[in-house]
Amino acid sequence: MAEMKQFGLDVELGEEVAQGLYSNLAIISHSTSEFILDFATVLPGVQKARVKSRIILTPEHAKRLLRSLQENIVRYESNVGKIEIPSPQLPPEAGPKMGEA
């Protein structure tokens, strides 16, 4: 078990949690009182993704998380380089196109 100091607070990180979960899909929803972040993994050729983790935040904490992510991305890009987000690839259309036989 690892311990960290964060804002004068002792934070414990258990071995199982420290290994983390891989996610390449985040689904964000909200109500008037909370933001819900669902993290899932999408695999090529598989039509179903299973949520691996759900985090529920107050609106205030969600905004703090947004600011912290923005600050960390700026630091990352200044050290490593700009993060490029590729354009989404559209799936090839099935069947003939108009004017094709």
PDB file of N, CA and C in Angstrom:
ATOM      1  N   MET A   1       0.851  -1.176   0.000  1.00  0.00           N
ATOM      2  CA  MET A   1       0.000   0.000   0.000  1.00  0.00           C
ATOM      3  C   MET A   1       0.896   1.238   0.000  1.00  0.00           C
ATOM      4  N   ALA A   2       0.618   2.172  -0.891  1.00  0.00           N
ATOM      5  CA  ALA A   2       1.389   3.405  -0.981  1.00  0.00           C
ATOM      6  C   ALA A   2       0.637   4.522  -0.278  1.00  0.00           C
ATOM      7  N   GLU A   3       1.404   5.451   0.276  1.00  0.00           N
ATOM      8  CA  GLU A   3       0.802   6.630   0.894  1.00  0.00           C
ATOM      9  C   GLU A   3       1.321   7.866   0.200  1.00  0.00           C
ATOM     10  N   MET A   4       0.443   8.837   0.011  1.00  0.00           N
ATOM     11  CA  MET A   4       0.817  10.090  -0.631  1.00  0.00           C
ATOM     12  C   MET A   4       0.335  11.240   0.235  1.00  0.00           C
ATOM     13  N   LYS A   5       0.991  12.362   0.106  1.00  0.00           N
ATOM     14  CA  LYS A   5       0.535  13.591   0.765  1.00  0.00           C
ATOM     15  C   LYS A   5      -0.098  14.469  -0.300  1.00  0.00           C
ATOM     16  N   GLN A   6      -1.312  14.874  -0.083  1.00  0.00           N
ATOM     17  CA  GLN A   6      -2.025  15.738  -1.018  1.00  0.00           C
ATOM     18  C   GLN A   6      -2.748  16.804  -0.207  1.00  0.00           C
ATOM     19  N   PHE A   7      -2.340  18.059  -0.332  1.00  0.00           N
ATOM     20  CA  PHE A   7      -2.964  19.168   0.386  1.00  0.00           C
ATOM     21  C   PHE A   7      -2.975  18.931   1.897  1.00  0.00           C
ATOM     22  N   GLY A   8      -1.870  18.376   2.416  1.00  0.00           N
ATOM     23  CA  GLY A   8      -1.768  18.127   3.847  1.00  0.00           C
ATOM     24  C   GLY A   8      -2.582  16.938   4.323  1.00  0.00           C
ATOM     25  N   LEU A   9      -3.065  16.132   3.398  1.00  0.00           N
ATOM     26  CA  LEU A   9      -3.909  14.987   3.713  1.00  0.00           C
ATOM     27  C   LEU A   9      -3.162  13.710   3.364  1.00  0.00           C
ATOM     28  N   ASP A  10      -3.169  12.727   4.264  1.00  0.00           N
ATOM     29  CA  ASP A  10      -2.588  11.424   3.942  1.00  0.00           C
ATOM     30  C   ASP A  10      -3.567  10.650   3.073  1.00  0.00           C
ATOM     31  N   VAL A  11      -3.113  10.221   1.903  1.00  0.00           N
ATOM     32  CA  VAL A  11      -3.953   9.478   0.972  1.00  0.00           C
ATOM     33  C   VAL A  11      -3.354   8.098   0.793  1.00  0.00           C
ATOM     34  N   GLU A  12      -4.144   7.055   1.041  1.00  0.00           N
ATOM     35  CA  GLU A  12      -3.684   5.680   0.870  1.00  0.00           C
ATOM     36  C   GLU A  12      -4.097   5.169  -0.494  1.00  0.00           C
ATOM     37  N   LEU A  13      -3.181   4.441  -1.119  1.00  0.00           N
ATOM     38  CA  LEU A  13      -3.444   3.854  -2.428  1.00  0.00           C
ATOM     39  C   LEU A  13      -3.194   2.359  -2.327  1.00  0.00           C
ATOM     40  N   GLY A  14      -4.270   1.573  -2.298  1.00  0.00           N
ATOM     41  CA  GLY A  14      -4.161   0.127  -2.190  1.00  0.00           C
ATOM     42  C   GLY A  14      -3.590  -0.491  -3.455  1.00  0.00           C
ATOM     43  N   GLU A  15      -3.009  -1.679  -3.332  1.00  0.00           N
ATOM     44  CA  GLU A  15      -2.356  -2.345  -4.461  1.00  0.00           C
ATOM     45  C   GLU A  15      -3.303  -2.580  -5.638  1.00  0.00           C
ATOM     46  N   GLU A  16      -4.520  -3.023  -5.358  1.00  0.00           N
ATOM     47  CA  GLU A  16      -5.474  -3.318  -6.436  1.00  0.00           C
ATOM     48  C   GLU A  16      -5.856  -2.051  -7.195  1.00  0.00           C
ATOM     49  N   VAL A  17      -6.096  -0.961  -6.485  1.00  0.00           N
ATOM     50  CA  VAL A  17      -6.469   0.291  -7.123  1.00  0.00           C
ATOM     51  C   VAL A  17      -5.266   0.886  -7.850  1.00  0.00           C
ATOM     52  N   ALA A  18      -4.073   0.720  -7.304  1.00  0.00           N
ATOM     53  CA  ALA A  18      -2.857   1.292  -7.898  1.00  0.00           C
ATOM     54  C   ALA A  18      -2.588   0.730  -9.290  1.00  0.00           C
ATOM     55  N   GLN A  19      -3.048  -0.482  -9.576  1.00  0.00           N
ATOM     56  CA  GLN A  19      -2.839  -1.068 -10.900  1.00  0.00           C
ATOM     57  C   GLN A  19      -3.690  -0.373 -11.957  1.00  0.00           C
ATOM     58  N   GLY A  20      -4.773   0.238 -11.549  1.00  0.00           N
ATOM     59  CA  GLY A  20      -5.611   1.004 -12.454  1.00  0.00           C
ATOM     60  C   GLY A  20      -6.419   0.147 -13.410  1.00  0.00           C
ATOM     61  N   LEU A  21      -7.285   0.812 -14.159  1.00  0.00           N
ATOM     62  CA  LEU A  21      -8.101   0.186 -15.192  1.00  0.00           C
ATOM     63  C   LEU A  21      -7.891   0.962 -16.478  1.00  0.00           C
ATOM     64  N   TYR A  22      -7.810   0.271 -17.598  1.00  0.00           N
ATOM     65  CA  TYR A  22      -7.671   0.932 -18.896  1.00  0.00           C
ATOM     66  C   TYR A  22      -9.046   1.340 -19.402  1.00  0.00           C
ATOM     67  N   SER A  23      -9.137   2.555 -19.917  1.00  0.00           N
ATOM     68  CA  SER A  23     -10.383   3.039 -20.491  1.00  0.00           C
ATOM     69  C   SER A  23     -10.076   3.844 -21.745  1.00  0.00           C
ATOM     70  N   ASN A  24     -10.844   3.601 -22.817  1.00  0.00           N
ATOM     71  CA  ASN A  24     -10.719   4.431 -24.011  1.00  0.00           C
ATOM     72  C   ASN A  24     -12.073   5.039 -24.389  1.00  0.00           C
ATOM     73  N   LEU A  25     -12.999   5.004 -23.432  1.00  0.00           N
ATOM     74  CA  LEU A  25     -14.312   5.611 -23.629  1.00  0.00           C
ATOM     75  C   LEU A  25     -14.805   6.150 -22.292  1.00  0.00           C
ATOM     76  N   ALA A  26     -15.206   7.405 -22.273  1.00  0.00           N
ATOM     77  CA  ALA A  26     -15.814   7.999 -21.085  1.00  0.00           C
ATOM     78  C   ALA A  26     -17.186   8.528 -21.474  1.00  0.00           C
ATOM     79  N   ILE A  27     -18.175   8.211 -20.680  1.00  0.00           N
ATOM     80  CA  ILE A  27     -19.540   8.678 -20.897  1.00  0.00           C
ATOM     81  C   ILE A  27     -19.882   9.569 -19.703  1.00  0.00           C
ATOM     82  N   ILE A  28     -20.255  10.803 -19.984  1.00  0.00           N
ATOM     83  CA  ILE A  28     -20.517  11.761 -18.916  1.00  0.00           C
ATOM     84  C   ILE A  28     -21.982  12.178 -18.961  1.00  0.00           C
ATOM     85  N   SER A  29     -22.647  12.060 -17.817  1.00  0.00           N
ATOM     86  CA  SER A  29     -24.034  12.512 -17.703  1.00  0.00           C
ATOM     87  C   SER A  29     -24.157  13.312 -16.407  1.00  0.00           C
ATOM     88  N   HIS A  30     -25.285  13.984 -16.247  1.00  0.00           N
ATOM     89  CA  HIS A  30     -25.448  14.799 -15.040  1.00  0.00           C
ATOM     90  C   HIS A  30     -26.907  14.986 -14.687  1.00  0.00           C
ATOM     91  N   SER A  31     -27.112  15.299 -13.429  1.00  0.00           N
ATOM     92  CA  SER A  31     -28.409  15.742 -12.938  1.00  0.00           C
ATOM     93  C   SER A  31     -28.177  17.115 -12.317  1.00  0.00           C
ATOM     94  N   THR A  32     -29.157  17.638 -11.619  1.00  0.00           N
ATOM     95  CA  THR A  32     -28.964  18.944 -10.987  1.00  0.00           C
ATOM     96  C   THR A  32     -27.985  18.873  -9.822  1.00  0.00           C
ATOM     97  N   SER A  33     -27.761  17.683  -9.272  1.00  0.00           N
ATOM     98  CA  SER A  33     -26.929  17.579  -8.073  1.00  0.00           C
ATOM     99  C   SER A  33     -25.645  16.784  -8.244  1.00  0.00           C
ATOM    100  N   GLU A  34     -25.442  16.156  -9.415  1.00  0.00           N
ATOM    101  CA  GLU A  34     -24.234  15.340  -9.564  1.00  0.00           C
ATOM    102  C   GLU A  34     -23.853  15.140 -11.025  1.00  0.00           C
ATOM    103  N   PHE A  35     -22.563  14.878 -11.229  1.00  0.00           N
ATOM    104  CA  PHE A  35     -22.029  14.469 -12.526  1.00  0.00           C
ATOM    105  C   PHE A  35     -21.623  13.017 -12.391  1.00  0.00           C
ATOM    106  N   ILE A  36     -21.912  12.220 -13.418  1.00  0.00           N
ATOM    107  CA  ILE A  36     -21.585  10.802 -13.405  1.00  0.00           C
ATOM    108  C   ILE A  36     -20.637  10.536 -14.556  1.00  0.00           C
ATOM    109  N   LEU A  37     -19.474   9.969 -14.237  1.00  0.00           N
ATOM    110  CA  LEU A  37     -18.466   9.621 -15.234  1.00  0.00           C
ATOM    111  C   LEU A  37     -18.363   8.105 -15.275  1.00  0.00           C
ATOM    112  N   ASP A  38     -18.735   7.515 -16.404  1.00  0.00           N
ATOM    113  CA  ASP A  38     -18.601   6.077 -16.618  1.00  0.00           C
ATOM    114  C   ASP A  38     -17.415   5.848 -17.543  1.00  0.00           C
ATOM    115  N   PHE A  39     -16.519   4.954 -17.145  1.00  0.00           N
ATOM    116  CA  PHE A  39     -15.335   4.628 -17.929  1.00  0.00           C
ATOM    117  C   PHE A  39     -15.457   3.205 -18.443  1.00  0.00           C
ATOM    118  N   ALA A  40     -15.238   3.026 -19.755  1.00  0.00           N
ATOM    119  CA  ALA A  40     -15.387   1.715 -20.394  1.00  0.00           C
ATOM    120  C   ALA A  40     -14.234   1.491 -21.358  1.00  0.00           C
ATOM    121  N   THR A  41     -14.145   0.260 -21.851  1.00  0.00           N
ATOM    122  CA  THR A  41     -13.157  -0.106 -22.855  1.00  0.00           C
ATOM    123  C   THR A  41     -13.892  -0.623 -24.073  1.00  0.00           C
ATOM    124  N   VAL A  42     -13.590  -0.024 -25.233  1.00  0.00           N
ATOM    125  CA  VAL A  42     -14.173  -0.454 -26.499  1.00  0.00           C
ATOM    126  C   VAL A  42     -13.099  -1.240 -27.243  1.00  0.00           C
ATOM    127  N   LEU A  43     -13.443  -2.442 -27.687  1.00  0.00           N
ATOM    128  CA  LEU A  43     -12.505  -3.277 -28.432  1.00  0.00           C
ATOM    129  C   LEU A  43     -12.923  -3.342 -29.894  1.00  0.00           C
ATOM    130  N   PRO A  44     -11.957  -3.372 -30.804  1.00  0.00           N
ATOM    131  CA  PRO A  44     -12.287  -3.456 -32.234  1.00  0.00           C
ATOM    132  C   PRO A  44     -13.131  -4.690 -32.539  1.00  0.00           C
ATOM    133  N   GLY A  45     -14.179  -4.494 -33.330  1.00  0.00           N
ATOM    134  CA  GLY A  45     -15.027  -5.599 -33.749  1.00  0.00           C
ATOM    135  C   GLY A  45     -16.035  -6.059 -32.713  1.00  0.00           C
ATOM    136  N   VAL A  46     -16.037  -5.444 -31.542  1.00  0.00           N
ATOM    137  CA  VAL A  46     -16.986  -5.816 -30.493  1.00  0.00           C
ATOM    138  C   VAL A  46     -18.011  -4.689 -30.375  1.00  0.00           C
ATOM    139  N   GLN A  47     -19.282  -5.034 -30.480  1.00  0.00           N
ATOM    140  CA  GLN A  47     -20.345  -4.039 -30.490  1.00  0.00           C
ATOM    141  C   GLN A  47     -20.799  -3.604 -29.096  1.00  0.00           C
ATOM    142  N   LYS A  48     -20.261  -4.240 -28.042  1.00  0.00           N
ATOM    143  CA  LYS A  48     -20.700  -3.938 -26.690  1.00  0.00           C
ATOM    144  C   LYS A  48     -19.498  -3.534 -25.846  1.00  0.00           C
ATOM    145  N   ALA A  49     -19.647  -2.465 -25.092  1.00  0.00           N
ATOM    146  CA  ALA A  49     -18.607  -2.021 -24.170  1.00  0.00           C
ATOM    147  C   ALA A  49     -19.164  -2.116 -22.755  1.00  0.00           C
ATOM    148  N   ARG A  50     -18.377  -2.655 -21.856  1.00  0.00           N
ATOM    149  CA  ARG A  50     -18.810  -2.789 -20.465  1.00  0.00           C
ATOM    150  C   ARG A  50     -18.168  -1.692 -19.624  1.00  0.00           C
ATOM    151  N   VAL A  51     -18.984  -1.013 -18.825  1.00  0.00           N
ATOM    152  CA  VAL A  51     -18.459   0.017 -17.932  1.00  0.00           C
ATOM    153  C   VAL A  51     -17.607  -0.669 -16.865  1.00  0.00           C
ATOM    154  N   LYS A  52     -16.378  -0.175 -16.713  1.00  0.00           N
ATOM    155  CA  LYS A  52     -15.435  -0.749 -15.746  1.00  0.00           C
ATOM    156  C   LYS A  52     -15.409   0.021 -14.441  1.00  0.00           C
ATOM    157  N   SER A  53     -15.765   1.313 -14.510  1.00  0.00           N
ATOM    158  CA  SER A  53     -15.711   2.135 -13.312  1.00  0.00           C
ATOM    159  C   SER A  53     -16.694   3.294 -13.452  1.00  0.00           C
ATOM    160  N   ARG A  54     -17.316   3.677 -12.355  1.00  0.00           N
ATOM    161  CA  ARG A  54     -18.235   4.815 -12.331  1.00  0.00           C
ATOM    162  C   ARG A  54     -17.807   5.736 -11.200  1.00  0.00           C
ATOM    163  N   ILE A  55     -17.668   7.013 -11.513  1.00  0.00           N
ATOM    164  CA  ILE A  55     -17.320   8.023 -10.515  1.00  0.00           C
ATOM    165  C   ILE A  55     -18.456   9.038 -10.470  1.00  0.00           C
ATOM    166  N   ILE A  56     -18.942   9.339  -9.283  1.00  0.00           N
ATOM    167  CA  ILE A  56     -20.028  10.301  -9.095  1.00  0.00           C
ATOM    168  C   ILE A  56     -19.458  11.505  -8.347  1.00  0.00           C
ATOM    169  N   LEU A  57     -19.641  12.700  -8.924  1.00  0.00           N
ATOM    170  CA  LEU A  57     -19.067  13.929  -8.381  1.00  0.00           C
ATOM    171  C   LEU A  57     -20.141  14.985  -8.178  1.00  0.00           C
ATOM    172  N   THR A  58     -19.908  15.870  -7.216  1.00  0.00           N
ATOM    173  CA  THR A  58     -20.754  17.053  -7.109  1.00  0.00           C
ATOM    174  C   THR A  58     -20.401  17.977  -8.281  1.00  0.00           C
ATOM    175  N   PRO A  59     -21.296  18.884  -8.674  1.00  0.00           N
ATOM    176  CA  PRO A  59     -20.963  19.824  -9.757  1.00  0.00           C
ATOM    177  C   PRO A  59     -19.694  20.635  -9.454  1.00  0.00           C
ATOM    178  N   GLU A  60     -19.523  21.053  -8.206  1.00  0.00           N
ATOM    179  CA  GLU A  60     -18.333  21.819  -7.837  1.00  0.00           C
ATOM    180  C   GLU A  60     -17.069  20.994  -8.014  1.00  0.00           C
ATOM    181  N   HIS A  61     -17.106  19.743  -7.595  1.00  0.00           N
ATOM    182  CA  HIS A  61     -15.926  18.893  -7.728  1.00  0.00           C
ATOM    183  C   HIS A  61     -15.656  18.560  -9.201  1.00  0.00           C
ATOM    184  N   ALA A  62     -16.709  18.416  -9.999  1.00  0.00           N
ATOM    185  CA  ALA A  62     -16.529  18.170 -11.432  1.00  0.00           C
ATOM    186  C   ALA A  62     -15.802  19.352 -12.072  1.00  0.00           C
ATOM    187  N   LYS A  63     -16.153  20.559 -11.676  1.00  0.00           N
ATOM    188  CA  LYS A  63     -15.491  21.741 -12.231  1.00  0.00           C
ATOM    189  C   LYS A  63     -14.035  21.809 -11.770  1.00  0.00           C
ATOM    190  N   ARG A  64     -13.766  21.433 -10.523  1.00  0.00           N
ATOM    191  CA  ARG A  64     -12.377  21.375 -10.049  1.00  0.00           C
ATOM    192  C   ARG A  64     -11.587  20.335 -10.838  1.00  0.00           C
ATOM    193  N   LEU A  65     -12.202  19.194 -11.128  1.00  0.00           N
ATOM    194  CA  LEU A  65     -11.540  18.157 -11.919  1.00  0.00           C
ATOM    195  C   LEU A  65     -11.229  18.680 -13.317  1.00  0.00           C
ATOM    196  N   LEU A  66     -12.176  19.368 -13.933  1.00  0.00           N
ATOM    197  CA  LEU A  66     -11.961  19.958 -15.255  1.00  0.00           C
ATOM    198  C   LEU A  66     -10.761  20.906 -15.239  1.00  0.00           C
ATOM    199  N   ARG A  67     -10.710  21.797 -14.264  1.00  0.00           N
ATOM    200  CA  ARG A  67      -9.586  22.745 -14.159  1.00  0.00           C
ATOM    201  C   ARG A  67      -8.267  22.013 -13.960  1.00  0.00           C
ATOM    202  N   SER A  68      -8.270  21.006 -13.104  1.00  0.00           N
ATOM    203  CA  SER A  68      -7.047  20.253 -12.845  1.00  0.00           C
ATOM    204  C   SER A  68      -6.582  19.518 -14.095  1.00  0.00           C
ATOM    205  N   LEU A  69      -7.513  18.913 -14.839  1.00  0.00           N
ATOM    206  CA  LEU A  69      -7.149  18.249 -16.094  1.00  0.00           C
ATOM    207  C   LEU A  69      -6.581  19.256 -17.092  1.00  0.00           C
ATOM    208  N   GLN A  70      -7.199  20.434 -17.192  1.00  0.00           N
ATOM    209  CA  GLN A  70      -6.700  21.460 -18.106  1.00  0.00           C
ATOM    210  C   GLN A  70      -5.274  21.869 -17.742  1.00  0.00           C
ATOM    211  N   GLU A  71      -5.020  22.101 -16.463  1.00  0.00           N
ATOM    212  CA  GLU A  71      -3.680  22.480 -16.013  1.00  0.00           C
ATOM    213  C   GLU A  71      -2.668  21.377 -16.305  1.00  0.00           C
ATOM    214  N   ASN A  72      -3.044  20.127 -16.052  1.00  0.00           N
ATOM    215  CA  ASN A  72      -2.131  19.005 -16.285  1.00  0.00           C
ATOM    216  C   ASN A  72      -1.861  18.789 -17.766  1.00  0.00           C
ATOM    217  N   ILE A  73      -2.865  19.001 -18.613  1.00  0.00           N
ATOM    218  CA  ILE A  73      -2.655  18.860 -20.058  1.00  0.00           C
ATOM    219  C   ILE A  73      -1.709  19.943 -20.560  1.00  0.00           C
ATOM    220  N   VAL A  74      -1.852  21.158 -20.066  1.00  0.00           N
ATOM    221  CA  VAL A  74      -0.936  22.235 -20.448  1.00  0.00           C
ATOM    222  C   VAL A  74       0.498  21.870 -20.054  1.00  0.00           C
ATOM    223  N   ARG A  75       0.692  21.370 -18.832  1.00  0.00           N
ATOM    224  CA  ARG A  75       2.035  20.961 -18.391  1.00  0.00           C
ATOM    225  C   ARG A  75       2.558  19.811 -19.240  1.00  0.00           C
ATOM    226  N   TYR A  76       1.706  18.826 -19.513  1.00  0.00           N
ATOM    227  CA  TYR A  76       2.104  17.675 -20.340  1.00  0.00           C
ATOM    228  C   TYR A  76       2.563  18.146 -21.715  1.00  0.00           C
ATOM    229  N   GLU A  77       1.744  18.985 -22.367  1.00  0.00           N
ATOM    230  CA  GLU A  77       2.068  19.440 -23.720  1.00  0.00           C
ATOM    231  C   GLU A  77       3.329  20.306 -23.750  1.00  0.00           C
ATOM    232  N   SER A  78       3.598  21.036 -22.682  1.00  0.00           N
ATOM    233  CA  SER A  78       4.821  21.843 -22.662  1.00  0.00           C
ATOM    234  C   SER A  78       6.059  20.960 -22.516  1.00  0.00           C
ATOM    235  N   ASN A  79       5.911  19.781 -21.927  1.00  0.00           N
ATOM    236  CA  ASN A  79       7.036  18.852 -21.760  1.00  0.00           C
ATOM    237  C   ASN A  79       7.164  17.855 -22.896  1.00  0.00           C
ATOM    238  N   VAL A  80       6.043  17.344 -23.384  1.00  0.00           N
ATOM    239  CA  VAL A  80       6.050  16.222 -24.328  1.00  0.00           C
ATOM    240  C   VAL A  80       5.683  16.648 -25.743  1.00  0.00           C
ATOM    241  N   GLY A  81       4.830  17.623 -25.883  1.00  0.00           N
ATOM    242  CA  GLY A  81       4.356  18.047 -27.194  1.00  0.00           C
ATOM    243  C   GLY A  81       2.841  18.022 -27.244  1.00  0.00           C
ATOM    244  N   LYS A  82       2.308  18.674 -28.259  1.00  0.00           N
ATOM    245  CA  LYS A  82       0.860  18.808 -28.412  1.00  0.00           C
ATOM    246  C   LYS A  82       0.196  17.443 -28.568  1.00  0.00           C
ATOM    247  N   ILE A  83      -0.908  17.271 -27.881  1.00  0.00           N
ATOM    248  CA  ILE A  83      -1.725  16.064 -28.010  1.00  0.00           C
ATOM    249  C   ILE A  83      -2.635  16.267 -29.216  1.00  0.00           C
ATOM    250  N   GLU A  84      -2.478  15.435 -30.221  1.00  0.00           N
ATOM    251  CA  GLU A  84      -3.306  15.522 -31.423  1.00  0.00           C
ATOM    252  C   GLU A  84      -4.496  14.578 -31.283  1.00  0.00           C
ATOM    253  N   ILE A  85      -5.661  15.069 -31.601  1.00  0.00           N
ATOM    254  CA  ILE A  85      -6.871  14.248 -31.584  1.00  0.00           C
ATOM    255  C   ILE A  85      -7.253  13.994 -33.033  1.00  0.00           C
ATOM    256  N   PRO A  86      -7.134  12.728 -33.495  1.00  0.00           N
ATOM    257  CA  PRO A  86      -7.455  12.435 -34.892  1.00  0.00           C
ATOM    258  C   PRO A  86      -8.949  12.608 -35.164  1.00  0.00           C
ATOM    259  N   SER A  87      -9.269  12.926 -36.417  1.00  0.00           N
ATOM    260  CA  SER A  87     -10.670  13.017 -36.825  1.00  0.00           C
ATOM    261  C   SER A  87     -11.288  11.627 -36.754  1.00  0.00           C
ATOM    262  N   PRO A  88     -12.558  11.538 -36.368  1.00  0.00           N
ATOM    263  CA  PRO A  88     -13.197  10.224 -36.309  1.00  0.00           C
ATOM    264  C   PRO A  88     -13.247   9.579 -37.688  1.00  0.00           C
ATOM    265  N   GLN A  89     -12.995   8.294 -37.731  1.00  0.00           N
ATOM    266  CA  GLN A  89     -13.064   7.528 -38.976  1.00  0.00           C
ATOM    267  C   GLN A  89     -14.488   7.040 -39.156  1.00  0.00           C
ATOM    268  N   LEU A  90     -15.091   7.396 -40.270  1.00  0.00           N
ATOM    269  CA  LEU A  90     -16.446   6.931 -40.553  1.00  0.00           C
ATOM    270  C   LEU A  90     -16.383   5.503 -41.076  1.00  0.00           C
ATOM    271  N   PRO A  91     -17.302   4.637 -40.629  1.00  0.00           N
ATOM    272  CA  PRO A  91     -17.292   3.264 -41.134  1.00  0.00           C
ATOM    273  C   PRO A  91     -17.647   3.235 -42.610  1.00  0.00           C
ATOM    274  N   PRO A  92     -17.045   2.315 -43.373  1.00  0.00           N
ATOM    275  CA  PRO A  92     -17.389   2.226 -44.793  1.00  0.00           C
ATOM    276  C   PRO A  92     -18.878   1.904 -44.951  1.00  0.00           C
ATOM    277  N   GLU A  93     -19.495   2.547 -45.916  1.00  0.00           N
ATOM    278  CA  GLU A  93     -20.928   2.315 -46.136  1.00  0.00           C
ATOM    279  C   GLU A  93     -21.138   0.962 -46.788  1.00  0.00           C
ATOM    280  N   ALA A  94     -22.183   0.292 -46.386  1.00  0.00           N
ATOM    281  CA  ALA A  94     -22.515  -1.011 -46.966  1.00  0.00           C
ATOM    282  C   ALA A  94     -23.399  -0.807 -48.196  1.00  0.00           C
ATOM    283  N   GLY A  95     -23.197  -1.645 -49.176  1.00  0.00           N
ATOM    284  CA  GLY A  95     -24.041  -1.617 -50.362  1.00  0.00           C
ATOM    285  C   GLY A  95     -23.581  -0.586 -51.377  1.00  0.00           C
ATOM    286  N   PRO A  96     -24.204  -0.599 -52.536  1.00  0.00           N
ATOM    287  CA  PRO A  96     -23.801   0.323 -53.610  1.00  0.00           C
ATOM    288  C   PRO A  96     -24.202   1.747 -53.293  1.00  0.00           C
ATOM    289  N   LYS A  97     -23.425   2.693 -53.818  1.00  0.00           N
ATOM    290  CA  LYS A  97     -23.733   4.105 -53.661  1.00  0.00           C
ATOM    291  C   LYS A  97     -24.630   4.549 -54.804  1.00  0.00           C
ATOM    292  N   MET A  98     -25.241   5.691 -54.642  1.00  0.00           N
ATOM    293  CA  MET A  98     -26.131   6.206 -55.667  1.00  0.00           C
ATOM    294  C   MET A  98     -25.375   6.349 -56.983  1.00  0.00           C
ATOM    295  N   GLY A  99     -25.937   5.861 -58.037  1.00  0.00           N
ATOM    296  CA  GLY A  99     -25.318   5.918 -59.352  1.00  0.00           C
ATOM    297  C   GLY A  99     -24.407   4.740 -59.632  1.00  0.00           C
ATOM    298  N   GLU A 100     -24.248   3.822 -58.669  1.00  0.00           N
ATOM    299  CA  GLU A 100     -23.431   2.637 -58.874  1.00  0.00           C
ATOM    300  C   GLU A 100     -24.320   1.423 -59.069  1.00  0.00           C
ATOM    301  N   ALA A 101     -23.860   0.510 -59.857  1.00  0.00           N
ATOM    302  CA  ALA A 101     -24.629  -0.708 -60.075  1.00  0.00           C
ATOM    303  C   ALA A 101     -24.124  -1.828 -59.204  1.00  0.00           C
TER     304      ALA A 101
END
